[in-house]
Amino acid sequence: MPPTGVEPRVHEIRIQDCADTEEALGLQKPVERLLCPDPDHEPPCEVPWSFSLAEQADGLRDTSTVLILGVYASPDRAMQVAERVRALVGEGRPVLVREGDAEDFEQLVEQYRIERGLRRS
């Protein structure tokens, strides 16, 4: 539960510098198990999450794939999750956190509302 006055919102935890889509997708399962060790647990999830992919241009020619972990959490909780992800993927791969756009993660926001019995405003 977030501290009083700190509303959860969408954050992107960006796992940078994956060589390709296959490598990025290969990270999904370990990150998923990190966040949800028991996939058969009763809802709600402690931190609702979802994945997406993006391309990242490095300089003029090189591109890499970014695995984006969207989480719906307070800023402090998102940073805690990012630290756990960083420890999992290793120091050689940058893990960045930024505020996400709720429109890009509509299903994640809806999951949070449904699991907590909240109404749309």
PDB file of N, CA and C in Angstrom:
ATOM      1  N   MET A   1       0.836  -1.177   0.000  1.00  0.00           N
ATOM      2  CA  MET A   1       0.000   0.000   0.000  1.00  0.00           C
ATOM      3  C   MET A   1       0.883   1.243   0.000  1.00  0.00           C
ATOM      4  N   PRO A   2       0.645   2.186  -0.903  1.00  0.00           N
ATOM      5  CA  PRO A   2       1.476   3.379  -0.935  1.00  0.00           C
ATOM      6  C   PRO A   2       1.201   4.277   0.256  1.00  0.00           C
ATOM      7  N   PRO A   3       2.187   5.103   0.647  1.00  0.00           N
ATOM      8  CA  PRO A   3       1.947   6.039   1.733  1.00  0.00           C
ATOM      9  C   PRO A   3       0.803   6.976   1.380  1.00  0.00           C
ATOM     10  N   THR A   4       0.166   7.515   2.408  1.00  0.00           N
ATOM     11  CA  THR A   4      -0.944   8.430   2.206  1.00  0.00           C
ATOM     12  C   THR A   4      -0.515   9.581   1.312  1.00  0.00           C
ATOM     13  N   GLY A   5      -1.344   9.902   0.320  1.00  0.00           N
ATOM     14  CA  GLY A   5      -1.070  11.009  -0.571  1.00  0.00           C
ATOM     15  C   GLY A   5      -0.211  10.650  -1.775  1.00  0.00           C
ATOM     16  N   VAL A   6       0.325   9.439  -1.817  1.00  0.00           N
ATOM     17  CA  VAL A   6       1.134   9.015  -2.960  1.00  0.00           C
ATOM     18  C   VAL A   6       0.307   8.025  -3.772  1.00  0.00           C
ATOM     19  N   GLU A   7      -0.216   8.511  -4.878  1.00  0.00           N
ATOM     20  CA  GLU A   7      -1.054   7.672  -5.721  1.00  0.00           C
ATOM     21  C   GLU A   7      -0.184   6.825  -6.657  1.00  0.00           C
ATOM     22  N   PRO A   8      -0.538   5.565  -6.830  1.00  0.00           N
ATOM     23  CA  PRO A   8       0.193   4.762  -7.810  1.00  0.00           C
ATOM     24  C   PRO A   8      -0.094   5.287  -9.210  1.00  0.00           C
ATOM     25  N   ARG A   9       0.851   5.043 -10.095  1.00  0.00           N
ATOM     26  CA  ARG A   9       0.695   5.415 -11.495  1.00  0.00           C
ATOM     27  C   ARG A   9       1.607   4.514 -12.324  1.00  0.00           C
ATOM     28  N   VAL A  10       1.515   4.648 -13.627  1.00  0.00           N
ATOM     29  CA  VAL A  10       2.298   3.810 -14.528  1.00  0.00           C
ATOM     30  C   VAL A  10       3.747   4.292 -14.547  1.00  0.00           C
ATOM     31  N   HIS A  11       4.647   3.324 -14.435  1.00  0.00           N
ATOM     32  CA  HIS A  11       6.085   3.566 -14.585  1.00  0.00           C
ATOM     33  C   HIS A  11       6.612   2.549 -15.582  1.00  0.00           C
ATOM     34  N   GLU A  12       7.600   2.969 -16.352  1.00  0.00           N
ATOM     35  CA  GLU A  12       8.289   2.063 -17.268  1.00  0.00           C
ATOM     36  C   GLU A  12       9.648   1.724 -16.677  1.00  0.00           C
ATOM     37  N   ILE A  13       9.902   0.453 -16.521  1.00  0.00           N
ATOM     38  CA  ILE A  13      11.225  -0.033 -16.147  1.00  0.00           C
ATOM     39  C   ILE A  13      11.802  -0.606 -17.436  1.00  0.00           C
ATOM     40  N   ARG A  14      12.773   0.102 -17.988  1.00  0.00           N
ATOM     41  CA  ARG A  14      13.300  -0.193 -19.317  1.00  0.00           C
ATOM     42  C   ARG A  14      14.605  -0.973 -19.205  1.00  0.00           C
ATOM     43  N   ILE A  15      14.584  -2.212 -19.675  1.00  0.00           N
ATOM     44  CA  ILE A  15      15.770  -3.062 -19.685  1.00  0.00           C
ATOM     45  C   ILE A  15      16.408  -2.864 -21.055  1.00  0.00           C
ATOM     46  N   GLN A  16      17.494  -2.090 -21.072  1.00  0.00           N
ATOM     47  CA  GLN A  16      18.119  -1.607 -22.292  1.00  0.00           C
ATOM     48  C   GLN A  16      19.084  -2.629 -22.903  1.00  0.00           C
ATOM     49  N   ASP A  17      19.469  -2.342 -24.120  1.00  0.00           N
ATOM     50  CA  ASP A  17      20.583  -3.001 -24.805  1.00  0.00           C
ATOM     51  C   ASP A  17      20.429  -4.500 -25.026  1.00  0.00           C
ATOM     52  N   CYS A  18      19.223  -4.963 -25.269  1.00  0.00           N
ATOM     53  CA  CYS A  18      19.053  -6.353 -25.685  1.00  0.00           C
ATOM     54  C   CYS A  18      19.480  -6.426 -27.153  1.00  0.00           C
ATOM     55  N   ALA A  19      20.212  -7.455 -27.516  1.00  0.00           N
ATOM     56  CA  ALA A  19      20.745  -7.565 -28.870  1.00  0.00           C
ATOM     57  C   ALA A  19      19.634  -7.629 -29.917  1.00  0.00           C
ATOM     58  N   ASP A  20      18.535  -8.308 -29.565  1.00  0.00           N
ATOM     59  CA  ASP A  20      17.431  -8.464 -30.508  1.00  0.00           C
ATOM     60  C   ASP A  20      16.157  -8.815 -29.740  1.00  0.00           C
ATOM     61  N   THR A  21      15.088  -8.987 -30.484  1.00  0.00           N
ATOM     62  CA  THR A  21      13.791  -9.310 -29.876  1.00  0.00           C
ATOM     63  C   THR A  21      13.854 -10.622 -29.112  1.00  0.00           C
ATOM     64  N   GLU A  22      14.528 -11.608 -29.661  1.00  0.00           N
ATOM     65  CA  GLU A  22      14.627 -12.915 -29.002  1.00  0.00           C
ATOM     66  C   GLU A  22      15.277 -12.793 -27.617  1.00  0.00           C
ATOM     67  N   GLU A  23      16.354 -12.036 -27.530  1.00  0.00           N
ATOM     68  CA  GLU A  23      17.014 -11.847 -26.238  1.00  0.00           C
ATOM     69  C   GLU A  23      16.094 -11.124 -25.255  1.00  0.00           C
ATOM     70  N   ALA A  24      15.402 -10.092 -25.726  1.00  0.00           N
ATOM     71  CA  ALA A  24      14.479  -9.349 -24.856  1.00  0.00           C
ATOM     72  C   ALA A  24      13.361 -10.259 -24.352  1.00  0.00           C
ATOM     73  N   LEU A  25      12.788 -11.030 -25.258  1.00  0.00           N
ATOM     74  CA  LEU A  25      11.710 -11.936 -24.858  1.00  0.00           C
ATOM     75  C   LEU A  25      12.218 -13.009 -23.898  1.00  0.00           C
ATOM     76  N   GLY A  26      13.480 -13.403 -24.033  1.00  0.00           N
ATOM     77  CA  GLY A  26      14.072 -14.379 -23.122  1.00  0.00           C
ATOM     78  C   GLY A  26      14.183 -13.863 -21.694  1.00  0.00           C
ATOM     79  N   LEU A  27      14.193 -12.561 -21.512  1.00  0.00           N
ATOM     80  CA  LEU A  27      14.249 -11.975 -20.167  1.00  0.00           C
ATOM     81  C   LEU A  27      12.881 -11.912 -19.498  1.00  0.00           C
ATOM     82  N   GLN A  28      11.822 -12.015 -20.291  1.00  0.00           N
ATOM     83  CA  GLN A  28      10.482 -11.867 -19.722  1.00  0.00           C
ATOM     84  C   GLN A  28      10.193 -12.875 -18.611  1.00  0.00           C
ATOM     85  N   LYS A  29      10.429 -14.142 -18.854  1.00  0.00           N
ATOM     86  CA  LYS A  29      10.081 -15.173 -17.871  1.00  0.00           C
ATOM     87  C   LYS A  29      10.825 -14.986 -16.555  1.00  0.00           C
ATOM     88  N   PRO A  30      12.155 -14.764 -16.565  1.00  0.00           N
ATOM     89  CA  PRO A  30      12.833 -14.531 -15.284  1.00  0.00           C
ATOM     90  C   PRO A  30      12.318 -13.295 -14.541  1.00  0.00           C
ATOM     91  N   VAL A  31      12.025 -12.227 -15.278  1.00  0.00           N
ATOM     92  CA  VAL A  31      11.485 -11.026 -14.629  1.00  0.00           C
ATOM     93  C   VAL A  31      10.093 -11.312 -14.094  1.00  0.00           C
ATOM     94  N   GLU A  32       9.299 -12.029 -14.867  1.00  0.00           N
ATOM     95  CA  GLU A  32       7.954 -12.409 -14.430  1.00  0.00           C
ATOM     96  C   GLU A  32       8.019 -13.206 -13.123  1.00  0.00           C
ATOM     97  N   ARG A  33       8.923 -14.184 -13.030  1.00  0.00           N
ATOM     98  CA  ARG A  33       9.061 -14.992 -11.809  1.00  0.00           C
ATOM     99  C   ARG A  33       9.570 -14.154 -10.637  1.00  0.00           C
ATOM    100  N   LEU A  34      10.375 -13.156 -10.929  1.00  0.00           N
ATOM    101  CA  LEU A  34      10.850 -12.244  -9.889  1.00  0.00           C
ATOM    102  C   LEU A  34       9.674 -11.477  -9.280  1.00  0.00           C
ATOM    103  N   LEU A  35       8.780 -11.014 -10.140  1.00  0.00           N
ATOM    104  CA  LEU A  35       7.633 -10.222  -9.680  1.00  0.00           C
ATOM    105  C   LEU A  35       6.513 -11.079  -9.123  1.00  0.00           C
ATOM    106  N   CYS A  36       6.385 -12.285  -9.662  1.00  0.00           N
ATOM    107  CA  CYS A  36       5.252 -13.135  -9.309  1.00  0.00           C
ATOM    108  C   CYS A  36       5.733 -14.579  -9.182  1.00  0.00           C
ATOM    109  N   PRO A  37       6.374 -14.913  -8.043  1.00  0.00           N
ATOM    110  CA  PRO A  37       6.906 -16.267  -7.885  1.00  0.00           C
ATOM    111  C   PRO A  37       5.820 -17.346  -7.870  1.00  0.00           C
ATOM    112  N   ASP A  38       4.593 -16.971  -7.504  1.00  0.00           N
ATOM    113  CA  ASP A  38       3.481 -17.915  -7.477  1.00  0.00           C
ATOM    114  C   ASP A  38       2.403 -17.429  -8.444  1.00  0.00           C
ATOM    115  N   PRO A  39       2.433 -17.899  -9.697  1.00  0.00           N
ATOM    116  CA  PRO A  39       1.462 -17.413 -10.677  1.00  0.00           C
ATOM    117  C   PRO A  39       0.015 -17.782 -10.356  1.00  0.00           C
ATOM    118  N   ASP A  40      -0.189 -18.711  -9.427  1.00  0.00           N
ATOM    119  CA  ASP A  40      -1.544 -19.120  -9.066  1.00  0.00           C
ATOM    120  C   ASP A  40      -2.065 -18.418  -7.819  1.00  0.00           C
ATOM    121  N   HIS A  41      -1.410 -17.323  -7.409  1.00  0.00           N
ATOM    122  CA  HIS A  41      -1.833 -16.618  -6.194  1.00  0.00           C
ATOM    123  C   HIS A  41      -3.193 -15.950  -6.391  1.00  0.00           C
ATOM    124  N   GLU A  42      -3.832 -15.655  -5.283  1.00  0.00           N
ATOM    125  CA  GLU A  42      -5.087 -14.908  -5.313  1.00  0.00           C
ATOM    126  C   GLU A  42      -4.789 -13.462  -5.696  1.00  0.00           C
ATOM    127  N   PRO A  43      -5.631 -12.845  -6.529  1.00  0.00           N
ATOM    128  CA  PRO A  43      -5.423 -11.436  -6.840  1.00  0.00           C
ATOM    129  C   PRO A  43      -5.710 -10.578  -5.602  1.00  0.00           C
ATOM    130  N   PRO A  44      -5.239  -9.388  -5.557  1.00  0.00           N
ATOM    131  CA  PRO A  44      -4.505  -8.682  -6.595  1.00  0.00           C
ATOM    132  C   PRO A  44      -3.014  -8.944  -6.519  1.00  0.00           C
ATOM    133  N   CYS A  45      -2.330  -8.667  -7.615  1.00  0.00           N
ATOM    134  CA  CYS A  45      -0.868  -8.726  -7.621  1.00  0.00           C
ATOM    135  C   CYS A  45      -0.343  -7.599  -6.737  1.00  0.00           C
ATOM    136  N   GLU A  46       0.771  -7.879  -6.073  1.00  0.00           N
ATOM    137  CA  GLU A  46       1.385  -6.847  -5.239  1.00  0.00           C
ATOM    138  C   GLU A  46       1.699  -5.608  -6.075  1.00  0.00           C
ATOM    139  N   VAL A  47       2.272  -5.834  -7.243  1.00  0.00           N
ATOM    140  CA  VAL A  47       2.556  -4.762  -8.194  1.00  0.00           C
ATOM    141  C   VAL A  47       2.064  -5.232  -9.559  1.00  0.00           C
ATOM    142  N   PRO A  48       0.961  -4.666 -10.060  1.00  0.00           N
ATOM    143  CA  PRO A  48       0.505  -5.049 -11.397  1.00  0.00           C
ATOM    144  C   PRO A  48       1.568  -4.693 -12.442  1.00  0.00           C
ATOM    145  N   TRP A  49       1.739  -5.548 -13.436  1.00  0.00           N
ATOM    146  CA  TRP A  49       2.807  -5.363 -14.412  1.00  0.00           C
ATOM    147  C   TRP A  49       2.396  -5.915 -15.765  1.00  0.00           C
ATOM    148  N   SER A  50       3.091  -5.441 -16.800  1.00  0.00           N
ATOM    149  CA  SER A  50       2.942  -5.987 -18.147  1.00  0.00           C
ATOM    150  C   SER A  50       4.211  -5.650 -18.929  1.00  0.00           C
ATOM    151  N   PHE A  51       4.384  -6.303 -20.072  1.00  0.00           N
ATOM    152  CA  PHE A  51       5.579  -6.111 -20.883  1.00  0.00           C
ATOM    153  C   PHE A  51       5.236  -5.516 -22.239  1.00  0.00           C
ATOM    154  N   SER A  52       6.202  -4.820 -22.811  1.00  0.00           N
ATOM    155  CA  SER A  52       6.172  -4.433 -24.219  1.00  0.00           C
ATOM    156  C   SER A  52       7.615  -4.315 -24.701  1.00  0.00           C
ATOM    157  N   LEU A  53       7.783  -4.129 -25.990  1.00  0.00           N
ATOM    158  CA  LEU A  53       9.115  -4.008 -26.582  1.00  0.00           C
ATOM    159  C   LEU A  53       9.216  -2.694 -27.338  1.00  0.00           C
ATOM    160  N   ALA A  54      10.443  -2.200 -27.456  1.00  0.00           N
ATOM    161  CA  ALA A  54      10.709  -1.005 -28.255  1.00  0.00           C
ATOM    162  C   ALA A  54      12.092  -1.138 -28.866  1.00  0.00           C
ATOM    163  N   GLU A  55      12.311  -0.411 -29.923  1.00  0.00           N
ATOM    164  CA  GLU A  55      13.638  -0.336 -30.528  1.00  0.00           C
ATOM    165  C   GLU A  55      14.320   0.916 -30.010  1.00  0.00           C
ATOM    166  N   GLN A  56      15.624   0.816 -29.840  1.00  0.00           N
ATOM    167  CA  GLN A  56      16.418   1.940 -29.352  1.00  0.00           C
ATOM    168  C   GLN A  56      17.546   2.169 -30.347  1.00  0.00           C
ATOM    169  N   ALA A  57      17.668   3.395 -30.831  1.00  0.00           N
ATOM    170  CA  ALA A  57      18.752   3.726 -31.750  1.00  0.00           C
ATOM    171  C   ALA A  57      19.959   4.187 -30.947  1.00  0.00           C
ATOM    172  N   ASP A  58      21.110   3.564 -31.226  1.00  0.00           N
ATOM    173  CA  ASP A  58      22.367   3.929 -30.580  1.00  0.00           C
ATOM    174  C   ASP A  58      23.278   4.547 -31.626  1.00  0.00           C
ATOM    175  N   GLY A  59      23.380   5.838 -31.640  1.00  0.00           N
ATOM    176  CA  GLY A  59      24.212   6.488 -32.648  1.00  0.00           C
ATOM    177  C   GLY A  59      23.522   6.494 -33.992  1.00  0.00           C
ATOM    178  N   LEU A  60      24.298   6.408 -35.038  1.00  0.00           N
ATOM    179  CA  LEU A  60      23.748   6.515 -36.384  1.00  0.00           C
ATOM    180  C   LEU A  60      23.319   5.183 -36.979  1.00  0.00           C
ATOM    181  N   ARG A  61      23.943   4.066 -36.560  1.00  0.00           N
ATOM    182  CA  ARG A  61      23.692   2.798 -37.245  1.00  0.00           C
ATOM    183  C   ARG A  61      23.137   1.697 -36.351  1.00  0.00           C
ATOM    184  N   ASP A  62      23.600   1.626 -35.144  1.00  0.00           N
ATOM    185  CA  ASP A  62      23.244   0.500 -34.288  1.00  0.00           C
ATOM    186  C   ASP A  62      21.876   0.693 -33.642  1.00  0.00           C
ATOM    187  N   THR A  63      21.127  -0.389 -33.578  1.00  0.00           N
ATOM    188  CA  THR A  63      19.874  -0.390 -32.835  1.00  0.00           C
ATOM    189  C   THR A  63      19.891  -1.583 -31.884  1.00  0.00           C
ATOM    190  N   SER A  64      19.151  -1.445 -30.823  1.00  0.00           N
ATOM    191  CA  SER A  64      18.984  -2.546 -29.889  1.00  0.00           C
ATOM    192  C   SER A  64      17.523  -2.585 -29.487  1.00  0.00           C
ATOM    193  N   THR A  65      17.159  -3.647 -28.837  1.00  0.00           N
ATOM    194  CA  THR A  65      15.783  -3.823 -28.383  1.00  0.00           C
ATOM    195  C   THR A  65      15.718  -3.528 -26.893  1.00  0.00           C
ATOM    196  N   VAL A  66      14.626  -2.900 -26.493  1.00  0.00           N
ATOM    197  CA  VAL A  66      14.388  -2.572 -25.096  1.00  0.00           C
ATOM    198  C   VAL A  66      13.182  -3.376 -24.632  1.00  0.00           C
ATOM    199  N   LEU A  67      13.339  -4.112 -23.533  1.00  0.00           N
ATOM    200  CA  LEU A  67      12.209  -4.773 -22.899  1.00  0.00           C
ATOM    201  C   LEU A  67      11.647  -3.789 -21.894  1.00  0.00           C
ATOM    202  N   ILE A  68      10.381  -3.429 -22.054  1.00  0.00           N
ATOM    203  CA  ILE A  68       9.747  -2.454 -21.168  1.00  0.00           C
ATOM    204  C   ILE A  68       8.813  -3.197 -20.228  1.00  0.00           C
ATOM    205  N   LEU A  69       9.105  -3.068 -18.950  1.00  0.00           N
ATOM    206  CA  LEU A  69       8.251  -3.611 -17.903  1.00  0.00           C
ATOM    207  C   LEU A  69       7.414  -2.461 -17.381  1.00  0.00           C
ATOM    208  N   GLY A  70       6.126  -2.486 -17.669  1.00  0.00           N
ATOM    209  CA  GLY A  70       5.219  -1.471 -17.138  1.00  0.00           C
ATOM    210  C   GLY A  70       4.725  -1.929 -15.780  1.00  0.00           C
ATOM    211  N   VAL A  71       4.809  -1.061 -14.783  1.00  0.00           N
ATOM    212  CA  VAL A  71       4.285  -1.367 -13.457  1.00  0.00           C
ATOM    213  C   VAL A  71       3.355  -0.248 -13.026  1.00  0.00           C
ATOM    214  N   TYR A  72       2.358  -0.609 -12.247  1.00  0.00           N
ATOM    215  CA  TYR A  72       1.434   0.377 -11.701  1.00  0.00           C
ATOM    216  C   TYR A  72       1.711   0.427 -10.210  1.00  0.00           C
ATOM    217  N   ALA A  73       2.425   1.471  -9.792  1.00  0.00           N
ATOM    218  CA  ALA A  73       2.917   1.536  -8.413  1.00  0.00           C
ATOM    219  C   ALA A  73       3.254   2.975  -8.054  1.00  0.00           C
ATOM    220  N   SER A  74       3.550   3.175  -6.781  1.00  0.00           N
ATOM    221  CA  SER A  74       4.059   4.469  -6.339  1.00  0.00           C
ATOM    222  C   SER A  74       5.475   4.632  -6.903  1.00  0.00           C
ATOM    223  N   PRO A  75       5.972   5.854  -6.973  1.00  0.00           N
ATOM    224  CA  PRO A  75       7.347   6.040  -7.459  1.00  0.00           C
ATOM    225  C   PRO A  75       8.380   5.254  -6.641  1.00  0.00           C
ATOM    226  N   ASP A  76       8.250   5.239  -5.325  1.00  0.00           N
ATOM    227  CA  ASP A  76       9.192   4.494  -4.490  1.00  0.00           C
ATOM    228  C   ASP A  76       9.129   2.999  -4.778  1.00  0.00           C
ATOM    229  N   ARG A  77       7.929   2.469  -4.913  1.00  0.00           N
ATOM    230  CA  ARG A  77       7.779   1.035  -5.178  1.00  0.00           C
ATOM    231  C   ARG A  77       8.333   0.691  -6.562  1.00  0.00           C
ATOM    232  N   ALA A  78       8.109   1.558  -7.547  1.00  0.00           N
ATOM    233  CA  ALA A  78       8.656   1.324  -8.882  1.00  0.00           C
ATOM    234  C   ALA A  78      10.186   1.269  -8.831  1.00  0.00           C
ATOM    235  N   MET A  79      10.806   2.133  -8.046  1.00  0.00           N
ATOM    236  CA  MET A  79      12.269   2.122  -7.908  1.00  0.00           C
ATOM    237  C   MET A  79      12.737   0.831  -7.223  1.00  0.00           C
ATOM    238  N   GLN A  80      11.981   0.351  -6.238  1.00  0.00           N
ATOM    239  CA  GLN A  80      12.332  -0.910  -5.582  1.00  0.00           C
ATOM    240  C   GLN A  80      12.277  -2.065  -6.575  1.00  0.00           C
ATOM    241  N   VAL A  81      11.235  -2.096  -7.389  1.00  0.00           N
ATOM    242  CA  VAL A  81      11.108  -3.147  -8.400  1.00  0.00           C
ATOM    243  C   VAL A  81      12.266  -3.049  -9.391  1.00  0.00           C
ATOM    244  N   ALA A  82      12.613  -1.835  -9.799  1.00  0.00           N
ATOM    245  CA  ALA A  82      13.713  -1.646 -10.742  1.00  0.00           C
ATOM    246  C   ALA A  82      15.030  -2.159 -10.160  1.00  0.00           C
ATOM    247  N   GLU A  83      15.258  -1.949  -8.890  1.00  0.00           N
ATOM    248  CA  GLU A  83      16.484  -2.448  -8.252  1.00  0.00           C
ATOM    249  C   GLU A  83      16.533  -3.972  -8.276  1.00  0.00           C
ATOM    250  N   ARG A  84      15.387  -4.606  -8.035  1.00  0.00           N
ATOM    251  CA  ARG A  84      15.330  -6.066  -8.099  1.00  0.00           C
ATOM    252  C   ARG A  84      15.583  -6.560  -9.520  1.00  0.00           C
ATOM    253  N   VAL A  85      15.007  -5.879 -10.505  1.00  0.00           N
ATOM    254  CA  VAL A  85      15.220  -6.241 -11.907  1.00  0.00           C
ATOM    255  C   VAL A  85      16.689  -6.035 -12.274  1.00  0.00           C
ATOM    256  N   ARG A  86      17.271  -4.931 -11.833  1.00  0.00           N
ATOM    257  CA  ARG A  86      18.685  -4.640 -12.112  1.00  0.00           C
ATOM    258  C   ARG A  86      19.582  -5.749 -11.563  1.00  0.00           C
ATOM    259  N   ALA A  87      19.291  -6.206 -10.348  1.00  0.00           N
ATOM    260  CA  ALA A  87      20.073  -7.292  -9.750  1.00  0.00           C
ATOM    261  C   ALA A  87      19.915  -8.584 -10.557  1.00  0.00           C
ATOM    262  N   LEU A  88      18.737  -8.816 -11.103  1.00  0.00           N
ATOM    263  CA  LEU A  88      18.473 -10.020 -11.884  1.00  0.00           C
ATOM    264  C   LEU A  88      19.213 -10.001 -13.224  1.00  0.00           C
ATOM    265  N   VAL A  89      19.150  -8.891 -13.937  1.00  0.00           N
ATOM    266  CA  VAL A  89      19.718  -8.850 -15.293  1.00  0.00           C
ATOM    267  C   VAL A  89      21.208  -8.540 -15.299  1.00  0.00           C
ATOM    268  N   GLY A  90      21.745  -8.056 -14.198  1.00  0.00           N
ATOM    269  CA  GLY A  90      23.183  -7.813 -14.101  1.00  0.00           C
ATOM    270  C   GLY A  90      23.573  -6.373 -14.386  1.00  0.00           C
ATOM    271  N   GLU A  91      24.733  -6.035 -13.908  1.00  0.00           N
ATOM    272  CA  GLU A  91      25.247  -4.666 -13.994  1.00  0.00           C
ATOM    273  C   GLU A  91      25.543  -4.228 -15.432  1.00  0.00           C
ATOM    274  N   GLY A  92      25.803  -5.162 -16.320  1.00  0.00           N
ATOM    275  CA  GLY A  92      26.176  -4.815 -17.683  1.00  0.00           C
ATOM    276  C   GLY A  92      25.033  -4.344 -18.554  1.00  0.00           C
ATOM    277  N   ARG A  93      23.822  -4.470 -18.076  1.00  0.00           N
ATOM    278  CA  ARG A  93      22.654  -4.069 -18.867  1.00  0.00           C
ATOM    279  C   ARG A  93      21.945  -2.924 -18.136  1.00  0.00           C
ATOM    280  N   PRO A  94      21.878  -1.736 -18.748  1.00  0.00           N
ATOM    281  CA  PRO A  94      21.202  -0.615 -18.075  1.00  0.00           C
ATOM    282  C   PRO A  94      19.718  -0.903 -17.835  1.00  0.00           C
ATOM    283  N   VAL A  95      19.251  -0.512 -16.658  1.00  0.00           N
ATOM    284  CA  VAL A  95      17.836  -0.601 -16.297  1.00  0.00           C
ATOM    285  C   VAL A  95      17.431   0.799 -15.866  1.00  0.00           C
ATOM    286  N   LEU A  96      16.550   1.413 -16.649  1.00  0.00           N
ATOM    287  CA  LEU A  96      16.129   2.786 -16.409  1.00  0.00           C
ATOM    288  C   LEU A  96      14.669   2.825 -15.984  1.00  0.00           C
ATOM    289  N   VAL A  97      14.326   3.821 -15.180  1.00  0.00           N
ATOM    290  CA  VAL A  97      12.943   3.990 -14.723  1.00  0.00           C
ATOM    291  C   VAL A  97      12.470   5.368 -15.147  1.00  0.00           C
ATOM    292  N   ARG A  98      11.264   5.404 -15.696  1.00  0.00           N
ATOM    293  CA  ARG A  98      10.652   6.691 -16.013  1.00  0.00           C
ATOM    294  C   ARG A  98       9.141   6.552 -15.885  1.00  0.00           C
ATOM    295  N   GLU A  99       8.493   7.680 -15.728  1.00  0.00           N
ATOM    296  CA  GLU A  99       7.040   7.650 -15.658  1.00  0.00           C
ATOM    297  C   GLU A  99       6.500   7.238 -17.019  1.00  0.00           C
ATOM    298  N   GLY A 100       5.504   6.378 -17.001  1.00  0.00           N
ATOM    299  CA  GLY A 100       4.915   5.893 -18.241  1.00  0.00           C
ATOM    300  C   GLY A 100       3.621   6.612 -18.556  1.00  0.00           C
ATOM    301  N   ASP A 101       3.138   6.403 -19.740  1.00  0.00           N
ATOM    302  CA  ASP A 101       1.883   6.978 -20.192  1.00  0.00           C
ATOM    303  C   ASP A 101       0.777   5.942 -19.963  1.00  0.00           C
ATOM    304  N   ALA A 102      -0.216   6.308 -19.173  1.00  0.00           N
ATOM    305  CA  ALA A 102      -1.311   5.382 -18.860  1.00  0.00           C
ATOM    306  C   ALA A 102      -2.007   4.894 -20.131  1.00  0.00           C
ATOM    307  N   GLU A 103      -2.045   5.718 -21.174  1.00  0.00           N
ATOM    308  CA  GLU A 103      -2.678   5.304 -22.425  1.00  0.00           C
ATOM    309  C   GLU A 103      -1.914   4.171 -23.102  1.00  0.00           C
ATOM    310  N   ASP A 104      -0.605   4.105 -22.872  1.00  0.00           N
ATOM    311  CA  ASP A 104       0.196   3.028 -23.445  1.00  0.00           C
ATOM    312  C   ASP A 104       0.038   1.721 -22.669  1.00  0.00           C
ATOM    313  N   PHE A 105      -0.507   1.802 -21.463  1.00  0.00           N
ATOM    314  CA  PHE A 105      -0.656   0.635 -20.596  1.00  0.00           C
ATOM    315  C   PHE A 105      -2.086   0.544 -20.067  1.00  0.00           C
ATOM    316  N   GLU A 106      -3.054   0.728 -20.964  1.00  0.00           N
ATOM    317  CA  GLU A 106      -4.460   0.731 -20.564  1.00  0.00           C
ATOM    318  C   GLU A 106      -4.859  -0.560 -19.858  1.00  0.00           C
ATOM    319  N   GLN A 107      -4.387  -1.707 -20.351  1.00  0.00           N
ATOM    320  CA  GLN A 107      -4.755  -2.980 -19.725  1.00  0.00           C
ATOM    321  C   GLN A 107      -4.192  -3.086 -18.320  1.00  0.00           C
ATOM    322  N   LEU A 108      -3.018  -2.556 -18.104  1.00  0.00           N
ATOM    323  CA  LEU A 108      -2.390  -2.570 -16.788  1.00  0.00           C
ATOM    324  C   LEU A 108      -3.200  -1.727 -15.806  1.00  0.00           C
ATOM    325  N   VAL A 109      -3.595  -0.546 -16.230  1.00  0.00           N
ATOM    326  CA  VAL A 109      -4.393   0.338 -15.376  1.00  0.00           C
ATOM    327  C   VAL A 109      -5.744  -0.312 -15.079  1.00  0.00           C
ATOM    328  N   GLU A 110      -6.340  -0.915 -16.093  1.00  0.00           N
ATOM    329  CA  GLU A 110      -7.632  -1.584 -15.903  1.00  0.00           C
ATOM    330  C   GLU A 110      -7.493  -2.774 -14.958  1.00  0.00           C
ATOM    331  N   GLN A 111      -6.396  -3.535 -15.070  1.00  0.00           N
ATOM    332  CA  GLN A 111      -6.150  -4.649 -14.157  1.00  0.00           C
ATOM    333  C   GLN A 111      -6.113  -4.147 -12.714  1.00  0.00           C
ATOM    334  N   TYR A 112      -5.418  -3.042 -12.488  1.00  0.00           N
ATOM    335  CA  TYR A 112      -5.326  -2.470 -11.147  1.00  0.00           C
ATOM    336  C   TYR A 112      -6.721  -2.106 -10.624  1.00  0.00           C
ATOM    337  N   ARG A 113      -7.515  -1.456 -11.468  1.00  0.00           N
ATOM    338  CA  ARG A 113      -8.860  -1.040 -11.055  1.00  0.00           C
ATOM    339  C   ARG A 113      -9.744  -2.246 -10.732  1.00  0.00           C
ATOM    340  N   ILE A 114      -9.713  -3.248 -11.599  1.00  0.00           N
ATOM    341  CA  ILE A 114     -10.556  -4.431 -11.413  1.00  0.00           C
ATOM    342  C   ILE A 114     -10.162  -5.183 -10.146  1.00  0.00           C
ATOM    343  N   GLU A 115      -8.849  -5.413  -9.988  1.00  0.00           N
ATOM    344  CA  GLU A 115      -8.395  -6.199  -8.845  1.00  0.00           C
ATOM    345  C   GLU A 115      -8.650  -5.499  -7.518  1.00  0.00           C
ATOM    346  N   ARG A 116      -8.747  -4.209  -7.542  1.00  0.00           N
ATOM    347  CA  ARG A 116      -8.974  -3.475  -6.294  1.00  0.00           C
ATOM    348  C   ARG A 116     -10.405  -2.967  -6.178  1.00  0.00           C
ATOM    349  N   GLY A 117     -11.257  -3.325  -7.145  1.00  0.00           N
ATOM    350  CA  GLY A 117     -12.658  -2.958  -7.074  1.00  0.00           C
ATOM    351  C   GLY A 117     -12.916  -1.471  -7.220  1.00  0.00           C
ATOM    352  N   LEU A 118     -12.061  -0.785  -7.951  1.00  0.00           N
ATOM    353  CA  LEU A 118     -12.214   0.658  -8.131  1.00  0.00           C
ATOM    354  C   LEU A 118     -13.053   0.941  -9.353  1.00  0.00           C
ATOM    355  N   ARG A 119     -13.750   2.054  -9.317  1.00  0.00           N
ATOM    356  CA  ARG A 119     -14.536   2.485 -10.462  1.00  0.00           C
ATOM    357  C   ARG A 119     -13.741   3.449 -11.300  1.00  0.00           C
ATOM    358  N   ARG A 120     -14.078   3.494 -12.579  1.00  0.00           N
ATOM    359  CA  ARG A 120     -13.459   4.493 -13.458  1.00  0.00           C
ATOM    360  C   ARG A 120     -13.971   5.861 -13.072  1.00  0.00           C
ATOM    361  N   SER A 121     -13.062   6.851 -13.141  1.00  0.00           N
ATOM    362  CA  SER A 121     -13.505   8.220 -12.846  1.00  0.00           C
ATOM    363  C   SER A 121     -13.576   9.032 -14.100  1.00  0.00           C
TER     364      SER A 121
END
